[in-house]
Amino acid sequence: VQLQASGGGSVQAGESLRVSCAASGSIFSFNAIGWYRQAPGKQRELVAAFTSGGSTLYADSVKGRFTISRDSAKNTVYLQMNSLKPEDTAVYYCNAGRIERGSTSIYWGQGTQVTVSS
């Protein structure tokens, strides 16, 4: 399984960015798929994800500003980030998890840098 993240960049506060995560197989083969981020000196944290059944999870800090979506034909998950703030600056990682025969496998993409300046 490969997860290829792209779309990061540098923007001003208040602007928008969209990051993409392309999976090497069907995104519906995972029990969960989404985005984490890690800022310098901080722990990696969940940003948004699709869970089993198609439900979505969002970190409180991004609710109302970020939207996770998916394109099954492209095996791609997107994170649309609006009204960006300097505190959103981090490396954003695509993450997916799969449970098979009682065993859990976790996959990570390579990360993409998002920098928001004030």
PDB file of N, CA and C in Angstrom:
ATOM      1  N   VAL A   1       0.842  -1.184   0.000  1.00  0.00           N
ATOM      2  CA  VAL A   1       0.000   0.000   0.000  1.00  0.00           C
ATOM      3  C   VAL A   1       0.883   1.240   0.000  1.00  0.00           C
ATOM      4  N   GLN A   2       0.580   2.142  -0.901  1.00  0.00           N
ATOM      5  CA  GLN A   2       1.294   3.417  -0.942  1.00  0.00           C
ATOM      6  C   GLN A   2       0.298   4.568  -0.865  1.00  0.00           C
ATOM      7  N   LEU A   3       0.658   5.553  -0.073  1.00  0.00           N
ATOM      8  CA  LEU A   3      -0.138   6.763   0.046  1.00  0.00           C
ATOM      9  C   LEU A   3       0.735   7.928  -0.393  1.00  0.00           C
ATOM     10  N   GLN A   4       0.312   8.639  -1.410  1.00  0.00           N
ATOM     11  CA  GLN A   4       1.100   9.743  -1.960  1.00  0.00           C
ATOM     12  C   GLN A   4       0.401  11.058  -1.664  1.00  0.00           C
ATOM     13  N   ALA A   5       1.014  11.845  -0.786  1.00  0.00           N
ATOM     14  CA  ALA A   5       0.439  13.137  -0.425  1.00  0.00           C
ATOM     15  C   ALA A   5       1.009  14.232  -1.311  1.00  0.00           C
ATOM     16  N   SER A   6       0.183  15.220  -1.609  1.00  0.00           N
ATOM     17  CA  SER A   6       0.632  16.351  -2.416  1.00  0.00           C
ATOM     18  C   SER A   6      -0.256  17.551  -2.136  1.00  0.00           C
ATOM     19  N   GLY A   7       0.195  18.721  -2.603  1.00  0.00           N
ATOM     20  CA  GLY A   7      -0.641  19.909  -2.540  1.00  0.00           C
ATOM     21  C   GLY A   7      -0.309  20.895  -1.457  1.00  0.00           C
ATOM     22  N   GLY A   8       0.684  20.631  -0.641  1.00  0.00           N
ATOM     23  CA  GLY A   8       1.049  21.583   0.396  1.00  0.00           C
ATOM     24  C   GLY A   8       1.653  22.837  -0.211  1.00  0.00           C
ATOM     25  N   GLY A   9       1.946  23.797   0.642  1.00  0.00           N
ATOM     26  CA  GLY A   9       2.553  25.027   0.162  1.00  0.00           C
ATOM     27  C   GLY A   9       2.553  26.080   1.231  1.00  0.00           C
ATOM     28  N   SER A  10       2.866  27.321   0.822  1.00  0.00           N
ATOM     29  CA  SER A  10       2.914  28.459   1.741  1.00  0.00           C
ATOM     30  C   SER A  10       1.847  29.463   1.358  1.00  0.00           C
ATOM     31  N   VAL A  11       1.041  29.856   2.339  1.00  0.00           N
ATOM     32  CA  VAL A  11      -0.033  30.814   2.097  1.00  0.00           C
ATOM     33  C   VAL A  11      -0.081  31.825   3.236  1.00  0.00           C
ATOM     34  N   GLN A  12      -0.882  32.862   3.006  1.00  0.00           N
ATOM     35  CA  GLN A  12      -1.122  33.850   4.052  1.00  0.00           C
ATOM     36  C   GLN A  12      -2.324  33.414   4.883  1.00  0.00           C
ATOM     37  N   ALA A  13      -2.375  33.904   6.102  1.00  0.00           N
ATOM     38  CA  ALA A  13      -3.524  33.624   6.966  1.00  0.00           C
ATOM     39  C   ALA A  13      -4.813  34.048   6.266  1.00  0.00           C
ATOM     40  N   GLY A  14      -5.824  33.195   6.381  1.00  0.00           N
ATOM     41  CA  GLY A  14      -7.105  33.479   5.754  1.00  0.00           C
ATOM     42  C   GLY A  14      -7.280  32.845   4.386  1.00  0.00           C
ATOM     43  N   GLU A  15      -6.184  32.401   3.794  1.00  0.00           N
ATOM     44  CA  GLU A  15      -6.258  31.783   2.475  1.00  0.00           C
ATOM     45  C   GLU A  15      -6.581  30.292   2.589  1.00  0.00           C
ATOM     46  N   SER A  16      -6.634  29.652   1.418  1.00  0.00           N
ATOM     47  CA  SER A  16      -7.034  28.242   1.358  1.00  0.00           C
ATOM     48  C   SER A  16      -5.989  27.388   0.654  1.00  0.00           C
ATOM     49  N   LEU A  17      -6.013  26.127   0.974  1.00  0.00           N
ATOM     50  CA  LEU A  17      -5.169  25.130   0.311  1.00  0.00           C
ATOM     51  C   LEU A  17      -5.941  23.823   0.280  1.00  0.00           C
ATOM     52  N   ARG A  18      -5.620  23.000  -0.703  1.00  0.00           N
ATOM     53  CA  ARG A  18      -6.163  21.652  -0.718  1.00  0.00           C
ATOM     54  C   ARG A  18      -5.011  20.670  -0.838  1.00  0.00           C
ATOM     55  N   VAL A  19      -4.963  19.704   0.043  1.00  0.00           N
ATOM     56  CA  VAL A  19      -3.977  18.643  -0.048  1.00  0.00           C
ATOM     57  C   VAL A  19      -4.671  17.363  -0.489  1.00  0.00           C
ATOM     58  N   SER A  20      -3.927  16.532  -1.190  1.00  0.00           N
ATOM     59  CA  SER A  20      -4.476  15.305  -1.753  1.00  0.00           C
ATOM     60  C   SER A  20      -3.679  14.098  -1.280  1.00  0.00           C
ATOM     61  N   CYS A  21      -4.365  12.984  -1.163  1.00  0.00           N
ATOM     62  CA  CYS A  21      -3.726  11.720  -0.791  1.00  0.00           C
ATOM     63  C   CYS A  21      -4.203  10.665  -1.778  1.00  0.00           C
ATOM     64  N   ALA A  22      -3.294  10.236  -2.625  1.00  0.00           N
ATOM     65  CA  ALA A  22      -3.624   9.216  -3.614  1.00  0.00           C
ATOM     66  C   ALA A  22      -3.165   7.856  -3.102  1.00  0.00           C
ATOM     67  N   ALA A  23      -4.095   6.916  -3.039  1.00  0.00           N
ATOM     68  CA  ALA A  23      -3.775   5.569  -2.565  1.00  0.00           C
ATOM     69  C   ALA A  23      -3.507   4.652  -3.751  1.00  0.00           C
ATOM     70  N   SER A  24      -2.677   3.655  -3.504  1.00  0.00           N
ATOM     71  CA  SER A  24      -2.325   2.723  -4.580  1.00  0.00           C
ATOM     72  C   SER A  24      -3.438   1.731  -4.868  1.00  0.00           C
ATOM     73  N   GLY A  25      -4.423   1.648  -3.979  1.00  0.00           N
ATOM     74  CA  GLY A  25      -5.569   0.786  -4.197  1.00  0.00           C
ATOM     75  C   GLY A  25      -6.849   1.487  -3.822  1.00  0.00           C
ATOM     76  N   SER A  26      -7.917   0.752  -3.776  1.00  0.00           N
ATOM     77  CA  SER A  26      -9.205   1.356  -3.444  1.00  0.00           C
ATOM     78  C   SER A  26      -9.197   1.945  -2.038  1.00  0.00           C
ATOM     79  N   ILE A  27      -9.663   3.191  -1.936  1.00  0.00           N
ATOM     80  CA  ILE A  27      -9.717   3.820  -0.616  1.00  0.00           C
ATOM     81  C   ILE A  27     -10.776   3.160   0.257  1.00  0.00           C
ATOM     82  N   PHE A  28     -11.690   2.414  -0.364  1.00  0.00           N
ATOM     83  CA  PHE A  28     -12.725   1.734   0.412  1.00  0.00           C
ATOM     84  C   PHE A  28     -12.244   0.405   0.979  1.00  0.00           C
ATOM     85  N   SER A  29     -10.997   0.054   0.684  1.00  0.00           N
ATOM     86  CA  SER A  29     -10.416  -1.154   1.272  1.00  0.00           C
ATOM     87  C   SER A  29      -9.911  -0.889   2.689  1.00  0.00           C
ATOM     88  N   PHE A  30      -9.915   0.384   3.087  1.00  0.00           N
ATOM     89  CA  PHE A  30      -9.446   0.758   4.411  1.00  0.00           C
ATOM     90  C   PHE A  30     -10.622   0.957   5.364  1.00  0.00           C
ATOM     91  N   ASN A  31     -10.409   0.642   6.612  1.00  0.00           N
ATOM     92  CA  ASN A  31     -11.422   0.906   7.639  1.00  0.00           C
ATOM     93  C   ASN A  31     -11.473   2.385   8.003  1.00  0.00           C
ATOM     94  N   ALA A  32     -10.350   3.056   7.806  1.00  0.00           N
ATOM     95  CA  ALA A  32     -10.292   4.485   8.061  1.00  0.00           C
ATOM     96  C   ALA A  32      -9.194   5.085   7.203  1.00  0.00           C
ATOM     97  N   ILE A  33      -9.412   6.303   6.736  1.00  0.00           N
ATOM     98  CA  ILE A  33      -8.395   7.005   5.963  1.00  0.00           C
ATOM     99  C   ILE A  33      -8.578   8.497   6.206  1.00  0.00           C
ATOM    100  N   GLY A  34      -7.461   9.184   6.375  1.00  0.00           N
ATOM    101  CA  GLY A  34      -7.580  10.610   6.642  1.00  0.00           C
ATOM    102  C   GLY A  34      -6.236  11.277   6.782  1.00  0.00           C
ATOM    103  N   TRP A  35      -6.246  12.369   7.556  1.00  0.00           N
ATOM    104  CA  TRP A  35      -5.074  13.229   7.654  1.00  0.00           C
ATOM    105  C   TRP A  35      -4.692  13.475   9.115  1.00  0.00           C
ATOM    106  N   TYR A  36      -3.390  13.426   9.356  1.00  0.00           N
ATOM    107  CA  TYR A  36      -2.792  13.861  10.604  1.00  0.00           C
ATOM    108  C   TYR A  36      -1.866  15.029  10.276  1.00  0.00           C
ATOM    109  N   ARG A  37      -1.454  15.733  11.295  1.00  0.00           N
ATOM    110  CA  ARG A  37      -0.453  16.777  11.112  1.00  0.00           C
ATOM    111  C   ARG A  37       0.483  16.811  12.304  1.00  0.00           C
ATOM    112  N   GLN A  38       1.677  17.310  12.048  1.00  0.00           N
ATOM    113  CA  GLN A  38       2.664  17.446  13.110  1.00  0.00           C
ATOM    114  C   GLN A  38       3.387  18.764  12.953  1.00  0.00           C
ATOM    115  N   ALA A  39       3.218  19.602  13.954  1.00  0.00           N
ATOM    116  CA  ALA A  39       3.909  20.889  13.980  1.00  0.00           C
ATOM    117  C   ALA A  39       5.234  20.713  14.713  1.00  0.00           C
ATOM    118  N   PRO A  40       6.192  21.605  14.479  1.00  0.00           N
ATOM    119  CA  PRO A  40       7.499  21.488  15.141  1.00  0.00           C
ATOM    120  C   PRO A  40       7.350  21.455  16.654  1.00  0.00           C
ATOM    121  N   GLY A  41       7.966  20.469  17.285  1.00  0.00           N
ATOM    122  CA  GLY A  41       7.936  20.364  18.726  1.00  0.00           C
ATOM    123  C   GLY A  41       6.650  19.826  19.309  1.00  0.00           C
ATOM    124  N   LYS A  42       5.727  19.412  18.451  1.00  0.00           N
ATOM    125  CA  LYS A  42       4.445  18.911  18.936  1.00  0.00           C
ATOM    126  C   LYS A  42       4.214  17.482  18.467  1.00  0.00           C
ATOM    127  N   GLN A  43       3.275  16.820  19.131  1.00  0.00           N
ATOM    128  CA  GLN A  43       2.932  15.465  18.731  1.00  0.00           C
ATOM    129  C   GLN A  43       2.048  15.474  17.489  1.00  0.00           C
ATOM    130  N   ARG A  44       2.110  14.385  16.776  1.00  0.00           N
ATOM    131  CA  ARG A  44       1.243  14.243  15.617  1.00  0.00           C
ATOM    132  C   ARG A  44      -0.200  14.139  16.092  1.00  0.00           C
ATOM    133  N   GLU A  45      -1.088  14.831  15.396  1.00  0.00           N
ATOM    134  CA  GLU A  45      -2.487  14.828  15.808  1.00  0.00           C
ATOM    135  C   GLU A  45      -3.410  14.577  14.635  1.00  0.00           C
ATOM    136  N   LEU A  46      -4.551  13.980  14.937  1.00  0.00           N
ATOM    137  CA  LEU A  46      -5.561  13.740  13.921  1.00  0.00           C
ATOM    138  C   LEU A  46      -6.191  15.069  13.502  1.00  0.00           C
ATOM    139  N   VAL A  47      -6.331  15.241  12.194  1.00  0.00           N
ATOM    140  CA  VAL A  47      -6.985  16.436  11.668  1.00  0.00           C
ATOM    141  C   VAL A  47      -8.399  16.090  11.202  1.00  0.00           C
ATOM    142  N   ALA A  48      -8.499  15.107  10.327  1.00  0.00           N
ATOM    143  CA  ALA A  48      -9.803  14.702   9.792  1.00  0.00           C
ATOM    144  C   ALA A  48      -9.677  13.314   9.194  1.00  0.00           C
ATOM    145  N   ALA A  49     -10.765  12.572   9.233  1.00  0.00           N
ATOM    146  CA  ALA A  49     -10.715  11.216   8.696  1.00  0.00           C
ATOM    147  C   ALA A  49     -12.102  10.711   8.355  1.00  0.00           C
ATOM    148  N   PHE A  50     -12.125   9.771   7.418  1.00  0.00           N
ATOM    149  CA  PHE A  50     -13.304   8.955   7.165  1.00  0.00           C
ATOM    150  C   PHE A  50     -13.146   7.683   7.970  1.00  0.00           C
ATOM    151  N   THR A  51     -14.211   7.269   8.620  1.00  0.00           N
ATOM    152  CA  THR A  51     -14.184   6.023   9.368  1.00  0.00           C
ATOM    153  C   THR A  51     -15.130   5.024   8.713  1.00  0.00           C
ATOM    154  N   SER A  52     -15.184   3.846   9.262  1.00  0.00           N
ATOM    155  CA  SER A  52     -16.052   2.803   8.719  1.00  0.00           C
ATOM    156  C   SER A  52     -17.482   3.330   8.599  1.00  0.00           C
ATOM    157  N   GLY A  53     -18.078   3.034   7.486  1.00  0.00           N
ATOM    158  CA  GLY A  53     -19.445   3.484   7.259  1.00  0.00           C
ATOM    159  C   GLY A  53     -19.536   4.858   6.651  1.00  0.00           C
ATOM    160  N   GLY A  54     -18.374   5.490   6.445  1.00  0.00           N
ATOM    161  CA  GLY A  54     -18.386   6.787   5.780  1.00  0.00           C
ATOM    162  C   GLY A  54     -18.525   7.973   6.693  1.00  0.00           C
ATOM    163  N   SER A  55     -18.531   7.748   8.007  1.00  0.00           N
ATOM    164  CA  SER A  55     -18.590   8.865   8.936  1.00  0.00           C
ATOM    165  C   SER A  55     -17.293   9.663   8.874  1.00  0.00           C
ATOM    166  N   THR A  56     -17.382  10.936   9.291  1.00  0.00           N
ATOM    167  CA  THR A  56     -16.199  11.778   9.304  1.00  0.00           C
ATOM    168  C   THR A  56     -15.890  12.245  10.717  1.00  0.00           C
ATOM    169  N   LEU A  57     -14.597  12.406  10.966  1.00  0.00           N
ATOM    170  CA  LEU A  57     -14.115  12.945  12.236  1.00  0.00           C
ATOM    171  C   LEU A  57     -13.294  14.182  11.937  1.00  0.00           C
ATOM    172  N   TYR A  58     -13.418  15.183  12.788  1.00  0.00           N
ATOM    173  CA  TYR A  58     -12.608  16.380  12.662  1.00  0.00           C
ATOM    174  C   TYR A  58     -12.062  16.767  14.029  1.00  0.00           C
ATOM    175  N   ALA A  59     -10.836  17.269  14.033  1.00  0.00           N
ATOM    176  CA  ALA A  59     -10.309  17.883  15.244  1.00  0.00           C
ATOM    177  C   ALA A  59     -11.117  19.146  15.535  1.00  0.00           C
ATOM    178  N   ASP A  60     -11.329  19.430  16.797  1.00  0.00           N
ATOM    179  CA  ASP A  60     -12.108  20.618  17.160  1.00  0.00           C
ATOM    180  C   ASP A  60     -11.506  21.886  16.564  1.00  0.00           C
ATOM    181  N   SER A  61     -10.196  21.913  16.474  1.00  0.00           N
ATOM    182  CA  SER A  61      -9.507  23.123  16.001  1.00  0.00           C
ATOM    183  C   SER A  61      -9.745  23.422  14.521  1.00  0.00           C
ATOM    184  N   VAL A  62     -10.245  22.450  13.764  1.00  0.00           N
ATOM    185  CA  VAL A  62     -10.438  22.669  12.323  1.00  0.00           C
ATOM    186  C   VAL A  62     -11.900  22.588  11.902  1.00  0.00           C
ATOM    187  N   LYS A  63     -12.781  22.254  12.825  1.00  0.00           N
ATOM    188  CA  LYS A  63     -14.202  22.144  12.476  1.00  0.00           C
ATOM    189  C   LYS A  63     -14.718  23.470  11.931  1.00  0.00           C
ATOM    190  N   GLY A  64     -15.442  23.359  10.828  1.00  0.00           N
ATOM    191  CA  GLY A  64     -15.986  24.543  10.179  1.00  0.00           C
ATOM    192  C   GLY A  64     -15.033  25.198   9.198  1.00  0.00           C
ATOM    193  N   ARG A  65     -13.770  24.816   9.218  1.00  0.00           N
ATOM    194  CA  ARG A  65     -12.784  25.387   8.294  1.00  0.00           C
ATOM    195  C   ARG A  65     -12.242  24.360   7.310  1.00  0.00           C
ATOM    196  N   PHE A  66     -12.083  23.131   7.741  1.00  0.00           N
ATOM    197  CA  PHE A  66     -11.522  22.075   6.909  1.00  0.00           C
ATOM    198  C   PHE A  66     -12.626  21.095   6.520  1.00  0.00           C
ATOM    199  N   THR A  67     -12.492  20.548   5.320  1.00  0.00           N
ATOM    200  CA  THR A  67     -13.441  19.545   4.847  1.00  0.00           C
ATOM    201  C   THR A  67     -12.690  18.393   4.198  1.00  0.00           C
ATOM    202  N   ILE A  68     -12.990  17.195   4.639  1.00  0.00           N
ATOM    203  CA  ILE A  68     -12.395  16.013   4.017  1.00  0.00           C
ATOM    204  C   ILE A  68     -13.384  15.464   2.992  1.00  0.00           C
ATOM    205  N   SER A  69     -12.845  15.049   1.858  1.00  0.00           N
ATOM    206  CA  SER A  69     -13.693  14.487   0.812  1.00  0.00           C
ATOM    207  C   SER A  69     -12.917  13.386   0.099  1.00  0.00           C
ATOM    208  N   ARG A  70     -13.598  12.683  -0.771  1.00  0.00           N
ATOM    209  CA  ARG A  70     -12.923  11.579  -1.465  1.00  0.00           C
ATOM    210  C   ARG A  70     -13.478  11.407  -2.867  1.00  0.00           C
ATOM    211  N   ASP A  71     -12.628  10.869  -3.727  1.00  0.00           N
ATOM    212  CA  ASP A  71     -12.992  10.544  -5.100  1.00  0.00           C
ATOM    213  C   ASP A  71     -12.630   9.084  -5.304  1.00  0.00           C
ATOM    214  N   SER A  72     -13.624   8.223  -5.305  1.00  0.00           N
ATOM    215  CA  SER A  72     -13.355   6.787  -5.394  1.00  0.00           C
ATOM    216  C   SER A  72     -12.764   6.406  -6.746  1.00  0.00           C
ATOM    217  N   ALA A  73     -13.129   7.127  -7.783  1.00  0.00           N
ATOM    218  CA  ALA A  73     -12.603   6.808  -9.120  1.00  0.00           C
ATOM    219  C   ALA A  73     -11.099   7.073  -9.200  1.00  0.00           C
ATOM    220  N   LYS A  74     -10.634   8.022  -8.403  1.00  0.00           N
ATOM    221  CA  LYS A  74      -9.208   8.370  -8.408  1.00  0.00           C
ATOM    222  C   LYS A  74      -8.471   7.788  -7.206  1.00  0.00           C
ATOM    223  N   ASN A  75      -9.197   7.053  -6.351  1.00  0.00           N
ATOM    224  CA  ASN A  75      -8.589   6.506  -5.121  1.00  0.00           C
ATOM    225  C   ASN A  75      -7.871   7.596  -4.340  1.00  0.00           C
ATOM    226  N   THR A  76      -8.519   8.732  -4.216  1.00  0.00           N
ATOM    227  CA  THR A  76      -7.892   9.905  -3.621  1.00  0.00           C
ATOM    228  C   THR A  76      -8.790  10.507  -2.556  1.00  0.00           C
ATOM    229  N   VAL A  77      -8.147  10.923  -1.475  1.00  0.00           N
ATOM    230  CA  VAL A  77      -8.810  11.643  -0.393  1.00  0.00           C
ATOM    231  C   VAL A  77      -8.244  13.051  -0.356  1.00  0.00           C
ATOM    232  N   TYR A  78      -9.126  14.018  -0.182  1.00  0.00           N
ATOM    233  CA  TYR A  78      -8.718  15.413  -0.184  1.00  0.00           C
ATOM    234  C   TYR A  78      -8.982  16.049   1.181  1.00  0.00           C
ATOM    235  N   LEU A  79      -8.201  17.056   1.478  1.00  0.00           N
ATOM    236  CA  LEU A  79      -8.463  17.893   2.638  1.00  0.00           C
ATOM    237  C   LEU A  79      -8.470  19.338   2.164  1.00  0.00           C
ATOM    238  N   GLN A  80      -9.657  19.908   2.118  1.00  0.00           N
ATOM    239  CA  GLN A  80      -9.791  21.312   1.762  1.00  0.00           C
ATOM    240  C   GLN A  80      -9.663  22.143   3.023  1.00  0.00           C
ATOM    241  N   MET A  81      -8.709  23.052   3.029  1.00  0.00           N
ATOM    242  CA  MET A  81      -8.420  23.853   4.215  1.00  0.00           C
ATOM    243  C   MET A  81      -8.698  25.323   3.903  1.00  0.00           C
ATOM    244  N   ASN A  82      -9.700  25.862   4.541  1.00  0.00           N
ATOM    245  CA  ASN A  82     -10.076  27.258   4.356  1.00  0.00           C
ATOM    246  C   ASN A  82      -9.781  28.056   5.619  1.00  0.00           C
ATOM    247  N   SER A  83      -9.740  29.358   5.458  1.00  0.00           N
ATOM    248  CA  SER A  83      -9.496  30.250   6.597  1.00  0.00           C
ATOM    249  C   SER A  83      -8.292  29.786   7.414  1.00  0.00           C
ATOM    250  N   LEU A  84      -7.218  29.527   6.723  1.00  0.00           N
ATOM    251  CA  LEU A  84      -6.029  28.989   7.386  1.00  0.00           C
ATOM    252  C   LEU A  84      -5.451  29.978   8.384  1.00  0.00           C
ATOM    253  N   LYS A  85      -4.905  29.418   9.441  1.00  0.00           N
ATOM    254  CA  LYS A  85      -4.307  30.203  10.517  1.00  0.00           C
ATOM    255  C   LYS A  85      -2.838  29.805  10.665  1.00  0.00           C
ATOM    256  N   PRO A  86      -2.022  30.684  11.219  1.00  0.00           N
ATOM    257  CA  PRO A  86      -0.611  30.310  11.433  1.00  0.00           C
ATOM    258  C   PRO A  86      -0.456  29.019  12.239  1.00  0.00           C
ATOM    259  N   GLU A  87      -1.377  28.762  13.157  1.00  0.00           N
ATOM    260  CA  GLU A  87      -1.277  27.546  13.964  1.00  0.00           C
ATOM    261  C   GLU A  87      -1.614  26.278  13.183  1.00  0.00           C
ATOM    262  N   ASP A  88      -2.043  26.421  11.942  1.00  0.00           N
ATOM    263  CA  ASP A  88      -2.241  25.256  11.077  1.00  0.00           C
ATOM    264  C   ASP A  88      -0.943  24.824  10.407  1.00  0.00           C
ATOM    265  N   THR A  89       0.099  25.599  10.590  1.00  0.00           N
ATOM    266  CA  THR A  89       1.400  25.260  10.013  1.00  0.00           C
ATOM    267  C   THR A  89       1.888  23.931  10.563  1.00  0.00           C
ATOM    268  N   ALA A  90       2.178  22.998   9.667  1.00  0.00           N
ATOM    269  CA  ALA A  90       2.595  21.660  10.074  1.00  0.00           C
ATOM    270  C   ALA A  90       2.920  20.845   8.828  1.00  0.00           C
ATOM    271  N   VAL A  91       3.492  19.684   9.070  1.00  0.00           N
ATOM    272  CA  VAL A  91       3.577  18.686   8.010  1.00  0.00           C
ATOM    273  C   VAL A  91       2.315  17.842   8.100  1.00  0.00           C
ATOM    274  N   TYR A  92       1.625  17.725   6.983  1.00  0.00           N
ATOM    275  CA  TYR A  92       0.369  16.984   6.939  1.00  0.00           C
ATOM    276  C   TYR A  92       0.633  15.601   6.338  1.00  0.00           C
ATOM    277  N   TYR A  93       0.175  14.594   7.066  1.00  0.00           N
ATOM    278  CA  TYR A  93       0.410  13.206   6.676  1.00  0.00           C
ATOM    279  C   TYR A  93      -0.903  12.506   6.373  1.00  0.00           C
ATOM    280  N   CYS A  94      -0.899  11.804   5.283  1.00  0.00           N
ATOM    281  CA  CYS A  94      -2.023  10.935   4.970  1.00  0.00           C
ATOM    282  C   CYS A  94      -1.849   9.636   5.755  1.00  0.00           C
ATOM    283  N   ASN A  95      -2.956   9.113   6.242  1.00  0.00           N
ATOM    284  CA  ASN A  95      -2.923   7.912   7.075  1.00  0.00           C
ATOM    285  C   ASN A  95      -4.093   7.012   6.720  1.00  0.00           C
ATOM    286  N   ALA A  96      -3.848   5.719   6.732  1.00  0.00           N
ATOM    287  CA  ALA A  96      -4.935   4.772   6.478  1.00  0.00           C
ATOM    288  C   ALA A  96      -4.750   3.545   7.349  1.00  0.00           C
ATOM    289  N   GLY A  97      -5.865   2.951   7.732  1.00  0.00           N
ATOM    290  CA  GLY A  97      -5.818   1.768   8.568  1.00  0.00           C
ATOM    291  C   GLY A  97      -6.734   0.679   8.036  1.00  0.00           C
ATOM    292  N   ARG A  98      -6.297  -0.543   8.183  1.00  0.00           N
ATOM    293  CA  ARG A  98      -7.058  -1.677   7.690  1.00  0.00           C
ATOM    294  C   ARG A  98      -7.014  -2.794   8.711  1.00  0.00           C
ATOM    295  N   ILE A  99      -8.171  -3.376   8.978  1.00  0.00           N
ATOM    296  CA  ILE A  99      -8.253  -4.517   9.883  1.00  0.00           C
ATOM    297  C   ILE A  99      -8.581  -5.754   9.065  1.00  0.00           C
ATOM    298  N   GLU A 100      -7.693  -6.742   9.142  1.00  0.00           N
ATOM    299  CA  GLU A 100      -7.892  -7.989   8.399  1.00  0.00           C
ATOM    300  C   GLU A 100      -7.553  -9.163   9.295  1.00  0.00           C
ATOM    301  N   ARG A 101      -8.467 -10.098   9.394  1.00  0.00           N
ATOM    302  CA  ARG A 101      -8.246 -11.324  10.174  1.00  0.00           C
ATOM    303  C   ARG A 101      -7.742 -10.987  11.575  1.00  0.00           C
ATOM    304  N   GLY A 102      -8.318  -9.969  12.173  1.00  0.00           N
ATOM    305  CA  GLY A 102      -7.978  -9.609  13.534  1.00  0.00           C
ATOM    306  C   GLY A 102      -6.701  -8.811  13.686  1.00  0.00           C
ATOM    307  N   SER A 103      -6.034  -8.511  12.600  1.00  0.00           N
ATOM    308  CA  SER A 103      -4.780  -7.769  12.657  1.00  0.00           C
ATOM    309  C   SER A 103      -4.964  -6.375  12.040  1.00  0.00           C
ATOM    310  N   THR A 104      -4.368  -5.373  12.673  1.00  0.00           N
ATOM    311  CA  THR A 104      -4.489  -3.998  12.194  1.00  0.00           C
ATOM    312  C   THR A 104      -3.211  -3.559  11.500  1.00  0.00           C
ATOM    313  N   SER A 105      -3.358  -3.014  10.308  1.00  0.00           N
ATOM    314  CA  SER A 105      -2.215  -2.460   9.571  1.00  0.00           C
ATOM    315  C   SER A 105      -2.428  -0.969   9.404  1.00  0.00           C
ATOM    316  N   ILE A 106      -1.378  -0.208   9.680  1.00  0.00           N
ATOM    317  CA  ILE A 106      -1.420   1.247   9.566  1.00  0.00           C
ATOM    318  C   ILE A 106      -0.430   1.686   8.491  1.00  0.00           C
ATOM    319  N   TYR A 107      -0.892   2.584   7.634  1.00  0.00           N
ATOM    320  CA  TYR A 107      -0.057   3.076   6.535  1.00  0.00           C
ATOM    321  C   TYR A 107       0.051   4.597   6.614  1.00  0.00           C
ATOM    322  N   TRP A 108       1.241   5.112   6.282  1.00  0.00           N
ATOM    323  CA  TRP A 108       1.488   6.550   6.286  1.00  0.00           C
ATOM    324  C   TRP A 108       2.024   7.005   4.939  1.00  0.00           C
ATOM    325  N   GLY A 109       1.583   8.159   4.505  1.00  0.00           N
ATOM    326  CA  GLY A 109       2.185   8.810   3.360  1.00  0.00           C
ATOM    327  C   GLY A 109       3.416   9.577   3.800  1.00  0.00           C
ATOM    328  N   GLN A 110       4.072  10.222   2.848  1.00  0.00           N
ATOM    329  CA  GLN A 110       5.361  10.857   3.125  1.00  0.00           C
ATOM    330  C   GLN A 110       5.236  12.230   3.753  1.00  0.00           C
ATOM    331  N   GLY A 111       4.075  12.820   3.774  1.00  0.00           N
ATOM    332  CA  GLY A 111       3.894  14.139   4.371  1.00  0.00           C
ATOM    333  C   GLY A 111       4.067  15.261   3.375  1.00  0.00           C
ATOM    334  N   THR A 112       3.312  16.313   3.602  1.00  0.00           N
ATOM    335  CA  THR A 112       3.430  17.510   2.771  1.00  0.00           C
ATOM    336  C   THR A 112       3.364  18.737   3.679  1.00  0.00           C
ATOM    337  N   GLN A 113       4.266  19.681   3.457  1.00  0.00           N
ATOM    338  CA  GLN A 113       4.391  20.842   4.329  1.00  0.00           C
ATOM    339  C   GLN A 113       3.338  21.892   4.001  1.00  0.00           C
ATOM    340  N   VAL A 114       2.668  22.371   5.048  1.00  0.00           N
ATOM    341  CA  VAL A 114       1.749  23.501   4.926  1.00  0.00           C
ATOM    342  C   VAL A 114       2.258  24.596   5.858  1.00  0.00           C
ATOM    343  N   THR A 115       2.516  25.758   5.292  1.00  0.00           N
ATOM    344  CA  THR A 115       3.008  26.887   6.065  1.00  0.00           C
ATOM    345  C   THR A 115       2.063  28.065   5.901  1.00  0.00           C
ATOM    346  N   VAL A 116       1.581  28.585   7.032  1.00  0.00           N
ATOM    347  CA  VAL A 116       0.655  29.709   7.011  1.00  0.00           C
ATOM    348  C   VAL A 116       1.313  30.872   7.745  1.00  0.00           C
ATOM    349  N   SER A 117       1.480  31.962   7.048  1.00  0.00           N
ATOM    350  CA  SER A 117       2.112  33.130   7.658  1.00  0.00           C
ATOM    351  C   SER A 117       1.068  34.195   7.976  1.00  0.00           C
ATOM    352  N   SER A 118       1.362  34.954   9.014  1.00  0.00           N
ATOM    353  CA  SER A 118       0.393  35.986   9.458  1.00  0.00           C
ATOM    354  C   SER A 118       0.601  37.303   8.742  1.00  0.00           C
TER     355      SER A 118
END
